[in-house]
């Protein structure tokens, strides 16, 4: 069993909503019999989950699936992909592809296998909720700085290339 839900979606307190690119929320994840609850940067979580539809993710090798924060986004040259850098805090698990199954391995070593289709549907539902919140919110003011602007543009380019070209 794998499920992920989010509540209390919000922008950072004290930051102008139009200039805050990272959405936060209280996230609850169930993997097998384990339940994780964390105040996460859910925009990053959604992108990491989308990436995990095709790519394996090994626990603690890069980002956490439920990251505390994302200080900045680093775009690749053609703005098609983004790396998000944050602090080492968060909750993580591994995601592996095994034939027609997704294998989730928690920090405690518990293994849960689910169908690719069930995993994709769960990931899409979560990502769609995050994207809908962005659409309901005030439009973002892109920064003048190319590094920051390109990071945000690449974030959405990669998101859409996964979510809408599956």
N, C-alpha and C. Protein backbone atom coordinates (compact mmCIF):
# COMPACT_ATOMS: atom_id res chain seq x y z
N UNK A 1 0.83 -1.18 0.00
CA UNK A 1 0.00 0.00 0.00
C UNK A 1 0.88 1.25 0.00
N UNK A 2 0.52 2.19 -0.83
CA UNK A 2 1.19 3.48 -0.89
C UNK A 2 0.14 4.56 -1.05
N UNK A 3 0.17 5.54 -0.17
CA UNK A 3 -0.70 6.70 -0.31
C UNK A 3 0.05 7.93 0.16
N UNK A 4 -0.34 9.07 -0.39
CA UNK A 4 0.24 10.34 0.03
C UNK A 4 -0.84 11.40 -0.03
N UNK A 5 -0.94 12.16 1.05
CA UNK A 5 -1.92 13.24 1.10
C UNK A 5 -1.27 14.48 1.68
N UNK A 6 -1.92 15.60 1.46
CA UNK A 6 -1.37 16.87 1.93
C UNK A 6 -2.52 17.75 2.39
N UNK A 7 -2.25 18.50 3.44
CA UNK A 7 -3.21 19.48 3.94
C UNK A 7 -2.44 20.75 4.31
N UNK A 8 -3.18 21.79 4.62
CA UNK A 8 -2.59 23.06 5.03
C UNK A 8 -1.56 23.56 4.02
N UNK A 9 -1.93 23.57 2.75
CA UNK A 9 -1.03 24.10 1.73
C UNK A 9 -0.84 25.60 1.97
N UNK A 10 0.41 26.06 1.88
CA UNK A 10 0.69 27.47 2.15
C UNK A 10 2.05 27.88 1.59
N UNK A 11 2.17 29.18 1.44
CA UNK A 11 3.45 29.78 1.10
C UNK A 11 4.14 30.14 2.40
N UNK A 12 5.43 30.37 2.34
CA UNK A 12 6.19 30.68 3.55
C UNK A 12 5.68 31.97 4.20
N UNK A 13 5.58 31.93 5.50
CA UNK A 13 5.14 33.10 6.25
C UNK A 13 6.18 34.21 6.09
N UNK A 14 5.69 35.40 5.85
CA UNK A 14 6.57 36.55 5.73
C UNK A 14 7.18 36.74 4.35
N UNK A 15 6.79 35.87 3.39
CA UNK A 15 7.30 35.99 2.03
C UNK A 15 6.13 36.40 1.13
N UNK A 16 6.37 37.33 0.24
CA UNK A 16 5.36 37.76 -0.71
C UNK A 16 4.95 36.57 -1.57
N UNK A 17 3.66 36.25 -1.59
CA UNK A 17 3.17 35.08 -2.32
C UNK A 17 3.61 35.06 -3.78
N UNK A 18 3.64 36.22 -4.41
CA UNK A 18 4.02 36.29 -5.82
C UNK A 18 5.49 35.94 -6.05
N UNK A 19 6.30 36.00 -4.98
CA UNK A 19 7.73 35.75 -5.10
C UNK A 19 8.17 34.43 -4.46
N UNK A 20 7.22 33.70 -3.89
CA UNK A 20 7.54 32.42 -3.24
C UNK A 20 7.24 31.31 -4.24
N UNK A 21 8.28 30.60 -4.66
CA UNK A 21 8.12 29.56 -5.67
C UNK A 21 7.89 28.18 -5.08
N UNK A 22 8.11 28.02 -3.78
CA UNK A 22 8.04 26.70 -3.14
C UNK A 22 6.81 26.59 -2.26
N UNK A 23 5.96 25.65 -2.59
CA UNK A 23 4.74 25.42 -1.82
C UNK A 23 5.01 24.44 -0.69
N UNK A 24 4.45 24.72 0.48
CA UNK A 24 4.64 23.88 1.66
C UNK A 24 3.30 23.31 2.10
N UNK A 25 3.35 22.21 2.83
CA UNK A 25 2.14 21.62 3.37
C UNK A 25 2.44 20.48 4.30
N UNK A 26 1.43 20.11 5.07
CA UNK A 26 1.55 18.99 6.00
C UNK A 26 1.25 17.71 5.22
N UNK A 27 2.23 16.85 5.13
CA UNK A 27 2.16 15.67 4.28
C UNK A 27 2.10 14.39 5.10
N UNK A 28 1.22 13.50 4.69
CA UNK A 28 1.12 12.19 5.31
C UNK A 28 1.33 11.14 4.22
N UNK A 29 2.29 10.25 4.46
CA UNK A 29 2.61 9.19 3.50
C UNK A 29 2.45 7.84 4.20
N UNK A 30 1.78 6.92 3.53
CA UNK A 30 1.73 5.55 4.02
C UNK A 30 2.44 4.66 3.03
N UNK A 31 3.43 3.93 3.54
CA UNK A 31 4.16 2.93 2.76
C UNK A 31 4.05 1.63 3.54
N UNK A 32 3.29 0.71 3.00
CA UNK A 32 3.03 -0.51 3.75
C UNK A 32 2.32 -0.17 5.04
N UNK A 33 2.86 -0.61 6.16
CA UNK A 33 2.25 -0.34 7.47
C UNK A 33 2.84 0.90 8.15
N UNK A 34 3.83 1.52 7.51
CA UNK A 34 4.47 2.70 8.10
C UNK A 34 3.77 3.97 7.64
N UNK A 35 3.65 4.90 8.56
CA UNK A 35 3.06 6.20 8.26
C UNK A 35 4.06 7.28 8.63
N UNK A 36 4.28 8.19 7.70
CA UNK A 36 5.19 9.32 7.91
C UNK A 36 4.39 10.60 7.80
N UNK A 37 4.63 11.52 8.72
CA UNK A 37 3.97 12.82 8.69
C UNK A 37 5.06 13.89 8.78
N UNK A 38 4.94 14.90 7.91
CA UNK A 38 6.02 15.88 7.85
C UNK A 38 5.53 17.15 7.18
N UNK A 39 5.97 18.28 7.69
CA UNK A 39 5.75 19.57 7.05
C UNK A 39 6.82 19.71 5.97
N UNK A 40 6.43 19.53 4.71
CA UNK A 40 7.40 19.42 3.62
C UNK A 40 7.24 20.52 2.58
N UNK A 41 8.26 20.67 1.77
CA UNK A 41 8.17 21.49 0.57
C UNK A 41 7.51 20.60 -0.49
N UNK A 42 6.19 20.69 -0.57
CA UNK A 42 5.42 19.72 -1.36
C UNK A 42 5.54 19.93 -2.87
N UNK A 43 5.93 21.12 -3.29
CA UNK A 43 6.18 21.31 -4.72
C UNK A 43 7.38 20.45 -5.15
N UNK A 44 8.41 20.41 -4.32
CA UNK A 44 9.56 19.54 -4.60
C UNK A 44 9.16 18.08 -4.50
N UNK A 45 8.40 17.73 -3.47
CA UNK A 45 7.94 16.34 -3.32
C UNK A 45 7.22 15.88 -4.57
N UNK A 46 6.32 16.70 -5.08
CA UNK A 46 5.56 16.31 -6.27
C UNK A 46 6.48 16.08 -7.47
N UNK A 47 7.45 16.96 -7.67
CA UNK A 47 8.37 16.77 -8.79
C UNK A 47 9.22 15.52 -8.59
N UNK A 48 9.70 15.29 -7.38
CA UNK A 48 10.49 14.08 -7.11
C UNK A 48 9.67 12.82 -7.36
N UNK A 49 8.41 12.84 -6.95
CA UNK A 49 7.54 11.68 -7.22
C UNK A 49 7.34 11.49 -8.71
N UNK A 50 7.11 12.59 -9.43
CA UNK A 50 6.96 12.49 -10.89
C UNK A 50 8.22 11.90 -11.52
N UNK A 51 9.38 12.36 -11.09
CA UNK A 51 10.64 11.82 -11.62
C UNK A 51 10.76 10.34 -11.32
N UNK A 52 10.24 9.91 -10.16
CA UNK A 52 10.36 8.51 -9.78
C UNK A 52 9.46 7.58 -10.58
N UNK A 53 8.62 8.13 -11.43
CA UNK A 53 7.81 7.28 -12.31
C UNK A 53 8.69 6.54 -13.32
N UNK A 54 9.81 7.14 -13.67
CA UNK A 54 10.74 6.54 -14.65
C UNK A 54 12.08 6.17 -14.05
N UNK A 55 12.53 6.94 -13.08
CA UNK A 55 13.88 6.78 -12.53
C UNK A 55 13.83 6.21 -11.12
N UNK A 56 14.78 5.34 -10.82
CA UNK A 56 14.93 4.85 -9.45
C UNK A 56 15.41 6.01 -8.56
N UNK A 57 15.09 5.90 -7.30
CA UNK A 57 15.55 6.87 -6.30
C UNK A 57 16.08 6.08 -5.12
N UNK A 58 17.35 6.24 -4.82
CA UNK A 58 17.95 5.55 -3.69
C UNK A 58 17.97 6.47 -2.48
N UNK A 59 17.50 5.95 -1.38
CA UNK A 59 17.35 6.72 -0.16
C UNK A 59 18.65 7.45 0.20
N UNK A 60 18.51 8.72 0.50
CA UNK A 60 19.58 9.61 0.97
C UNK A 60 20.75 9.77 0.01
N UNK A 61 20.57 9.44 -1.27
CA UNK A 61 21.66 9.68 -2.23
C UNK A 61 21.58 11.07 -2.83
N UNK A 62 20.42 11.67 -2.81
CA UNK A 62 20.29 13.04 -3.30
C UNK A 62 19.24 13.74 -2.45
N UNK A 63 18.18 14.14 -3.04
CA UNK A 63 17.10 14.80 -2.32
C UNK A 63 16.31 13.82 -1.45
N UNK A 64 15.58 14.34 -0.49
CA UNK A 64 14.63 13.54 0.26
C UNK A 64 13.28 13.63 -0.45
N UNK A 65 12.52 12.56 -0.42
CA UNK A 65 11.20 12.59 -1.06
C UNK A 65 10.27 13.58 -0.36
N UNK A 66 10.43 13.76 0.94
CA UNK A 66 9.71 14.80 1.69
C UNK A 66 10.76 15.77 2.23
N UNK A 67 11.16 16.75 1.41
CA UNK A 67 12.23 17.65 1.85
C UNK A 67 11.71 18.76 2.75
N UNK A 68 12.56 19.18 3.65
CA UNK A 68 12.25 20.33 4.50
C UNK A 68 12.16 21.59 3.65
N UNK A 69 13.12 21.76 2.78
CA UNK A 69 13.21 23.02 2.04
C UNK A 69 13.90 22.80 0.69
N UNK A 70 13.85 23.83 -0.10
CA UNK A 70 14.57 23.88 -1.36
C UNK A 70 15.08 25.30 -1.51
N UNK A 71 16.34 25.51 -1.22
CA UNK A 71 16.87 26.87 -1.22
C UNK A 71 16.90 27.49 -2.61
N UNK A 72 17.29 26.68 -3.59
CA UNK A 72 17.30 27.20 -4.95
C UNK A 72 17.20 26.07 -5.96
N UNK A 73 16.79 26.45 -7.17
CA UNK A 73 16.60 25.51 -8.26
C UNK A 73 17.67 25.76 -9.32
N UNK A 74 18.32 24.69 -9.75
CA UNK A 74 19.39 24.80 -10.73
C UNK A 74 18.90 24.19 -12.04
N UNK A 75 18.73 25.01 -13.05
CA UNK A 75 18.24 24.55 -14.35
C UNK A 75 19.39 23.98 -15.17
N UNK A 76 19.05 22.99 -16.00
CA UNK A 76 20.05 22.55 -16.97
C UNK A 76 20.07 23.55 -18.13
N UNK A 77 20.95 23.33 -19.09
CA UNK A 77 21.20 24.33 -20.13
C UNK A 77 19.97 24.65 -20.98
N UNK A 78 19.18 23.64 -21.34
CA UNK A 78 18.01 23.90 -22.19
C UNK A 78 16.72 24.09 -21.40
N UNK A 79 16.82 24.22 -20.09
CA UNK A 79 15.70 24.47 -19.20
C UNK A 79 14.66 23.34 -19.21
N UNK A 80 15.12 22.12 -19.47
CA UNK A 80 14.19 20.99 -19.50
C UNK A 80 14.18 20.20 -18.19
N UNK A 81 15.19 20.41 -17.36
CA UNK A 81 15.30 19.70 -16.08
C UNK A 81 15.83 20.63 -15.02
N UNK A 82 15.54 20.27 -13.76
CA UNK A 82 15.97 21.10 -12.65
C UNK A 82 16.45 20.22 -11.51
N UNK A 83 17.47 20.69 -10.82
CA UNK A 83 17.90 20.11 -9.55
C UNK A 83 17.53 21.11 -8.47
N UNK A 84 16.96 20.60 -7.39
CA UNK A 84 16.55 21.47 -6.29
C UNK A 84 17.47 21.19 -5.10
N UNK A 85 18.10 22.23 -4.60
CA UNK A 85 19.01 22.10 -3.47
C UNK A 85 18.35 22.62 -2.21
N UNK A 86 18.52 21.86 -1.15
CA UNK A 86 17.96 22.26 0.14
C UNK A 86 18.84 21.75 1.26
N UNK A 87 18.27 21.72 2.44
CA UNK A 87 19.01 21.24 3.60
C UNK A 87 18.91 19.72 3.70
N UNK A 88 19.66 19.10 4.59
CA UNK A 88 19.63 17.64 4.71
C UNK A 88 18.45 17.10 5.52
N UNK A 89 17.54 17.95 5.94
CA UNK A 89 16.40 17.51 6.74
C UNK A 89 15.29 17.00 5.84
N UNK A 90 14.55 16.03 6.32
CA UNK A 90 13.41 15.52 5.57
C UNK A 90 13.24 14.03 5.81
N UNK A 91 12.30 13.46 5.11
CA UNK A 91 12.02 12.03 5.19
C UNK A 91 12.23 11.45 3.80
N UNK A 92 12.87 10.30 3.75
CA UNK A 92 13.20 9.71 2.46
C UNK A 92 12.89 8.22 2.45
N UNK A 93 12.76 7.68 1.26
CA UNK A 93 12.62 6.25 1.01
C UNK A 93 13.12 5.97 -0.39
N UNK A 94 13.41 4.74 -0.67
CA UNK A 94 13.88 4.35 -2.00
C UNK A 94 12.70 3.97 -2.88
N UNK A 95 12.87 4.20 -4.18
CA UNK A 95 11.88 3.81 -5.18
C UNK A 95 12.64 3.06 -6.28
N UNK A 96 12.26 1.80 -6.49
CA UNK A 96 12.90 0.99 -7.53
C UNK A 96 11.84 0.45 -8.47
N UNK A 97 12.25 0.25 -9.72
CA UNK A 97 11.37 -0.33 -10.73
C UNK A 97 11.76 -1.78 -10.93
N UNK A 98 10.77 -2.65 -10.82
CA UNK A 98 11.01 -4.09 -10.94
C UNK A 98 9.91 -4.67 -11.83
N UNK A 99 10.20 -4.81 -13.11
CA UNK A 99 9.22 -5.28 -14.09
C UNK A 99 7.99 -4.38 -14.06
N UNK A 100 6.82 -4.91 -13.73
CA UNK A 100 5.60 -4.10 -13.71
C UNK A 100 5.24 -3.62 -12.30
N UNK A 101 6.22 -3.62 -11.41
CA UNK A 101 6.00 -3.21 -10.02
C UNK A 101 6.91 -2.04 -9.64
N UNK A 102 6.45 -1.29 -8.66
CA UNK A 102 7.28 -0.29 -8.01
C UNK A 102 7.58 -0.83 -6.63
N UNK A 103 8.86 -0.80 -6.25
CA UNK A 103 9.29 -1.30 -4.95
C UNK A 103 9.70 -0.09 -4.12
N UNK A 104 9.05 0.06 -2.97
CA UNK A 104 9.34 1.15 -2.05
C UNK A 104 10.03 0.56 -0.83
N UNK A 105 11.16 1.13 -0.45
CA UNK A 105 11.93 0.64 0.69
C UNK A 105 12.13 1.80 1.66
N UNK A 106 11.63 1.63 2.87
CA UNK A 106 11.74 2.69 3.88
C UNK A 106 13.08 2.61 4.59
N UNK A 107 13.37 3.62 5.37
CA UNK A 107 14.62 3.68 6.13
C UNK A 107 14.75 2.48 7.07
N UNK A 108 13.64 2.00 7.58
CA UNK A 108 13.68 0.85 8.50
C UNK A 108 13.83 -0.48 7.76
N UNK A 109 13.86 -0.42 6.41
CA UNK A 109 14.07 -1.63 5.62
C UNK A 109 12.80 -2.33 5.19
N UNK A 110 11.64 -1.80 5.54
CA UNK A 110 10.39 -2.40 5.10
C UNK A 110 10.21 -2.21 3.60
N UNK A 111 9.75 -3.27 2.95
CA UNK A 111 9.59 -3.28 1.50
C UNK A 111 8.11 -3.40 1.16
N UNK A 112 7.66 -2.52 0.27
CA UNK A 112 6.29 -2.55 -0.21
C UNK A 112 6.34 -2.56 -1.74
N UNK A 113 5.58 -3.47 -2.35
CA UNK A 113 5.51 -3.53 -3.81
C UNK A 113 4.09 -3.19 -4.24
N UNK A 114 4.00 -2.31 -5.24
CA UNK A 114 2.70 -1.95 -5.80
C UNK A 114 2.82 -1.93 -7.31
N UNK A 115 1.70 -1.97 -7.98
CA UNK A 115 1.73 -1.96 -9.44
C UNK A 115 2.16 -0.58 -9.95
N UNK A 116 2.79 -0.58 -11.12
CA UNK A 116 3.18 0.68 -11.75
C UNK A 116 1.96 1.60 -11.89
N UNK A 117 0.84 1.02 -12.30
CA UNK A 117 -0.36 1.79 -12.54
C UNK A 117 -0.88 2.45 -11.25
N UNK A 118 -0.93 1.69 -10.16
CA UNK A 118 -1.38 2.26 -8.89
C UNK A 118 -0.44 3.37 -8.41
N UNK A 119 0.86 3.14 -8.58
CA UNK A 119 1.83 4.15 -8.17
C UNK A 119 1.65 5.42 -9.01
N UNK A 120 1.54 5.27 -10.32
CA UNK A 120 1.37 6.42 -11.21
C UNK A 120 0.10 7.20 -10.85
N UNK A 121 -1.00 6.50 -10.61
CA UNK A 121 -2.24 7.18 -10.26
C UNK A 121 -2.12 7.96 -8.96
N UNK A 122 -1.44 7.39 -7.97
CA UNK A 122 -1.24 8.07 -6.69
C UNK A 122 -0.36 9.30 -6.87
N UNK A 123 0.71 9.16 -7.62
CA UNK A 123 1.62 10.28 -7.87
C UNK A 123 0.91 11.39 -8.64
N UNK A 124 0.17 11.03 -9.69
CA UNK A 124 -0.54 12.04 -10.48
C UNK A 124 -1.58 12.78 -9.63
N UNK A 125 -2.31 12.08 -8.78
CA UNK A 125 -3.32 12.72 -7.94
C UNK A 125 -2.67 13.74 -7.01
N UNK A 126 -1.53 13.38 -6.42
CA UNK A 126 -0.81 14.29 -5.54
C UNK A 126 -0.29 15.50 -6.33
N UNK A 127 0.37 15.25 -7.44
CA UNK A 127 0.93 16.33 -8.25
C UNK A 127 -0.17 17.26 -8.75
N UNK A 128 -1.31 16.70 -9.13
CA UNK A 128 -2.41 17.53 -9.63
C UNK A 128 -2.95 18.45 -8.54
N UNK A 129 -2.98 17.98 -7.30
CA UNK A 129 -3.45 18.81 -6.19
C UNK A 129 -2.48 19.97 -5.97
N UNK A 130 -1.20 19.70 -6.06
CA UNK A 130 -0.19 20.75 -5.89
C UNK A 130 -0.29 21.77 -7.03
N UNK A 131 -0.39 21.27 -8.25
CA UNK A 131 -0.48 22.18 -9.40
C UNK A 131 -1.75 23.03 -9.33
N UNK A 132 -2.86 22.45 -8.90
CA UNK A 132 -4.12 23.21 -8.78
C UNK A 132 -3.97 24.36 -7.79
N UNK A 133 -3.22 24.13 -6.70
CA UNK A 133 -3.00 25.20 -5.73
C UNK A 133 -2.22 26.35 -6.36
N UNK A 134 -1.22 26.04 -7.16
CA UNK A 134 -0.47 27.08 -7.87
C UNK A 134 -1.41 27.88 -8.77
N UNK A 135 -2.29 27.19 -9.49
CA UNK A 135 -3.21 27.87 -10.41
C UNK A 135 -4.20 28.77 -9.68
N UNK A 136 -4.59 28.39 -8.46
CA UNK A 136 -5.53 29.20 -7.66
C UNK A 136 -4.84 30.39 -7.01
N UNK A 137 -3.54 30.32 -6.88
CA UNK A 137 -2.78 31.36 -6.18
C UNK A 137 -2.48 32.53 -7.10
N UNK A 138 -1.96 33.59 -6.51
CA UNK A 138 -1.55 34.75 -7.30
C UNK A 138 -0.43 34.35 -8.25
N UNK A 139 -0.43 34.97 -9.42
CA UNK A 139 0.61 34.69 -10.42
C UNK A 139 1.98 35.04 -9.85
N UNK A 140 2.96 34.22 -10.19
CA UNK A 140 4.33 34.44 -9.72
C UNK A 140 4.99 35.56 -10.52
N UNK A 141 5.77 36.36 -9.83
CA UNK A 141 6.59 37.38 -10.46
C UNK A 141 7.97 36.78 -10.65
N UNK A 142 8.34 36.56 -11.89
CA UNK A 142 9.64 35.96 -12.16
C UNK A 142 10.75 36.96 -11.82
N UNK A 143 11.80 36.48 -11.20
CA UNK A 143 12.89 37.39 -10.83
C UNK A 143 13.66 37.87 -12.06
N UNK A 144 14.34 38.99 -11.91
CA UNK A 144 15.19 39.51 -12.98
C UNK A 144 16.44 38.67 -13.14
N UNK A 145 16.89 38.05 -12.06
CA UNK A 145 18.08 37.21 -12.07
C UNK A 145 17.83 35.95 -12.90
N UNK A 146 18.65 35.73 -13.93
CA UNK A 146 18.45 34.59 -14.83
C UNK A 146 18.56 33.25 -14.12
N UNK A 147 19.46 33.12 -13.14
CA UNK A 147 19.63 31.86 -12.43
C UNK A 147 18.32 31.45 -11.76
N UNK A 148 17.73 32.35 -11.00
CA UNK A 148 16.48 32.04 -10.29
C UNK A 148 15.31 31.87 -11.25
N UNK A 149 15.24 32.73 -12.24
CA UNK A 149 14.15 32.64 -13.22
C UNK A 149 14.24 31.33 -13.99
N UNK A 150 15.43 30.97 -14.45
CA UNK A 150 15.60 29.73 -15.22
C UNK A 150 15.30 28.49 -14.37
N UNK A 151 15.64 28.54 -13.09
CA UNK A 151 15.32 27.42 -12.22
C UNK A 151 13.83 27.19 -12.12
N UNK A 152 13.07 28.26 -11.96
CA UNK A 152 11.61 28.13 -11.85
C UNK A 152 11.00 27.68 -13.18
N UNK A 153 11.47 28.24 -14.26
CA UNK A 153 10.97 27.84 -15.59
C UNK A 153 11.28 26.36 -15.84
N UNK A 154 12.49 25.94 -15.53
CA UNK A 154 12.88 24.53 -15.73
C UNK A 154 12.06 23.60 -14.84
N UNK A 155 11.74 24.05 -13.62
CA UNK A 155 10.90 23.26 -12.72
C UNK A 155 9.59 22.89 -13.41
N UNK A 156 8.91 23.89 -13.95
CA UNK A 156 7.62 23.63 -14.60
C UNK A 156 7.78 22.93 -15.94
N UNK A 157 8.86 23.18 -16.65
CA UNK A 157 9.09 22.45 -17.91
C UNK A 157 9.26 20.96 -17.64
N UNK A 158 10.06 20.62 -16.64
CA UNK A 158 10.25 19.20 -16.33
C UNK A 158 8.96 18.58 -15.81
N UNK A 159 8.27 19.28 -14.94
CA UNK A 159 6.99 18.81 -14.40
C UNK A 159 6.05 18.44 -15.55
N UNK A 160 5.83 19.41 -16.45
CA UNK A 160 4.87 19.19 -17.55
C UNK A 160 5.34 18.10 -18.51
N UNK A 161 6.64 17.99 -18.71
CA UNK A 161 7.14 16.96 -19.63
C UNK A 161 6.88 15.56 -19.08
N UNK A 162 6.83 15.43 -17.77
CA UNK A 162 6.53 14.12 -17.16
C UNK A 162 5.03 13.94 -17.03
N UNK A 163 4.36 14.92 -16.46
CA UNK A 163 2.94 14.78 -16.12
C UNK A 163 2.05 14.67 -17.35
N UNK A 164 2.36 15.43 -18.38
CA UNK A 164 1.43 15.50 -19.51
C UNK A 164 1.91 14.78 -20.76
N UNK A 165 3.04 14.11 -20.68
CA UNK A 165 3.52 13.35 -21.83
C UNK A 165 3.66 11.88 -21.49
N UNK A 166 3.03 11.45 -20.40
CA UNK A 166 3.06 10.02 -20.00
C UNK A 166 2.16 9.23 -20.91
